[in-house]
Amino acid sequence: MPKKTAEGKDVSIDLLTKMLVFQLFSMGVPQDKIAKTVGKSKTWVNDLLKGIPKGGKTDGGKKKG
């Protein structure tokens, strides 16, 4: 029996949705288009991606210059 989230959805579907969001974001797709693609609100997508640098790149906490 598949595990369910609090909303009653299959955990696997929830995980795959989040993975798709991260993949699309790393490819530079705007958050509003990601939200429409996965059928979630832009706020949900924004909350999920909070703290992740655009394009998936990081400077390791170092400032340039």
C-alpha atoms as a PDB file:
ATOM      1  CA  MET A   1       0.000   0.000   0.000  1.00  0.00           C
ATOM      2  CA  PRO A   2       1.557   3.376  -1.011  1.00  0.00           C
ATOM      3  CA  LYS A   3       2.167   5.906   1.735  1.00  0.00           C
ATOM      4  CA  LYS A   4      -0.072   8.969   1.701  1.00  0.00           C
ATOM      5  CA  THR A   5       0.595  12.623   2.469  1.00  0.00           C
ATOM      6  CA  ALA A   6      -1.560  14.674   4.838  1.00  0.00           C
ATOM      7  CA  GLU A   7      -3.703  15.653   1.826  1.00  0.00           C
ATOM      8  CA  GLY A   8      -4.235  11.991   0.963  1.00  0.00           C
ATOM      9  CA  LYS A   9      -1.970  12.008  -2.098  1.00  0.00           C
ATOM     10  CA  ASP A  10       0.572   9.335  -2.865  1.00  0.00           C
ATOM     11  CA  VAL A  11       4.004  10.283  -1.476  1.00  0.00           C
ATOM     12  CA  SER A  12       5.643   9.184  -4.737  1.00  0.00           C
ATOM     13  CA  ILE A  13       3.569  11.649  -6.756  1.00  0.00           C
ATOM     14  CA  ASP A  14       4.402  14.434  -4.314  1.00  0.00           C
ATOM     15  CA  LEU A  15       8.127  13.642  -4.559  1.00  0.00           C
ATOM     16  CA  LEU A  16       8.053  13.475  -8.368  1.00  0.00           C
ATOM     17  CA  THR A  17       6.205  16.809  -8.507  1.00  0.00           C
ATOM     18  CA  LYS A  18       8.863  18.460  -6.352  1.00  0.00           C
ATOM     19  CA  MET A  19      11.666  16.935  -8.435  1.00  0.00           C
ATOM     20  CA  LEU A  20      10.047  18.305 -11.593  1.00  0.00           C
ATOM     21  CA  VAL A  21       9.808  21.762 -10.005  1.00  0.00           C
ATOM     22  CA  PHE A  22      13.529  21.718  -9.139  1.00  0.00           C
ATOM     23  CA  GLN A  23      14.485  20.491 -12.610  1.00  0.00           C
ATOM     24  CA  LEU A  24      12.402  23.120 -14.405  1.00  0.00           C
ATOM     25  CA  PHE A  25      13.761  25.851 -12.117  1.00  0.00           C
ATOM     26  CA  SER A  26      17.350  24.789 -12.801  1.00  0.00           C
ATOM     27  CA  MET A  27      16.597  25.087 -16.524  1.00  0.00           C
ATOM     28  CA  GLY A  28      15.481  28.695 -16.016  1.00  0.00           C
ATOM     29  CA  VAL A  29      11.724  28.222 -16.396  1.00  0.00           C
ATOM     30  CA  PRO A  30       9.796  31.056 -14.663  1.00  0.00           C
ATOM     31  CA  GLN A  31       7.966  30.157 -11.454  1.00  0.00           C
ATOM     32  CA  ASP A  32       4.533  31.014 -12.859  1.00  0.00           C
ATOM     33  CA  LYS A  33       5.026  28.553 -15.732  1.00  0.00           C
ATOM     34  CA  ILE A  34       6.305  25.902 -13.322  1.00  0.00           C
ATOM     35  CA  ALA A  35       3.200  26.401 -11.154  1.00  0.00           C
ATOM     36  CA  LYS A  36       0.891  25.958 -14.157  1.00  0.00           C
ATOM     37  CA  THR A  37       2.807  22.874 -15.308  1.00  0.00           C
ATOM     38  CA  VAL A  38       2.558  21.055 -11.981  1.00  0.00           C
ATOM     39  CA  GLY A  39      -0.910  22.345 -11.103  1.00  0.00           C
ATOM     40  CA  LYS A  40       0.141  24.199  -7.961  1.00  0.00           C
ATOM     41  CA  SER A  41      -0.007  27.846  -6.917  1.00  0.00           C
ATOM     42  CA  LYS A  42       2.899  30.191  -7.577  1.00  0.00           C
ATOM     43  CA  THR A  43       3.157  30.677  -3.797  1.00  0.00           C
ATOM     44  CA  TRP A  44       3.610  26.911  -3.300  1.00  0.00           C
ATOM     45  CA  VAL A  45       6.384  26.861  -5.924  1.00  0.00           C
ATOM     46  CA  ASN A  46       8.021  29.973  -4.435  1.00  0.00           C
ATOM     47  CA  ASP A  47       7.991  28.465  -0.928  1.00  0.00           C
ATOM     48  CA  LEU A  48       9.527  25.239  -2.234  1.00  0.00           C
ATOM     49  CA  LEU A  49      12.305  27.052  -4.086  1.00  0.00           C
ATOM     50  CA  LYS A  50      13.057  29.569  -1.336  1.00  0.00           C
ATOM     51  CA  GLY A  51      16.795  29.622  -0.649  1.00  0.00           C
ATOM     52  CA  ILE A  52      17.813  27.899  -3.880  1.00  0.00           C
ATOM     53  CA  PRO A  53      19.961  30.046  -6.172  1.00  0.00           C
ATOM     54  CA  LYS A  54      18.560  30.569  -9.664  1.00  0.00           C
ATOM     55  CA  GLY A  55      20.108  28.128 -12.100  1.00  0.00           C
ATOM     56  CA  GLY A  56      21.162  25.873  -9.238  1.00  0.00           C
ATOM     57  CA  LYS A  57      24.545  27.596  -8.922  1.00  0.00           C
ATOM     58  CA  THR A  58      26.111  28.787  -5.725  1.00  0.00           C
ATOM     59  CA  ASP A  59      29.174  30.825  -4.898  1.00  0.00           C
ATOM     60  CA  GLY A  60      29.736  28.911  -1.691  1.00  0.00           C
ATOM     61  CA  GLY A  61      28.918  31.981   0.374  1.00  0.00           C
ATOM     62  CA  LYS A  62      31.780  33.995  -1.113  1.00  0.00           C
ATOM     63  CA  LYS A  63      31.292  37.464  -2.520  1.00  0.00           C
ATOM     64  CA  LYS A  64      32.881  38.389  -5.815  1.00  0.00           C
ATOM     65  CA  GLY A  65      35.178  41.375  -6.069  1.00  0.00           C
END
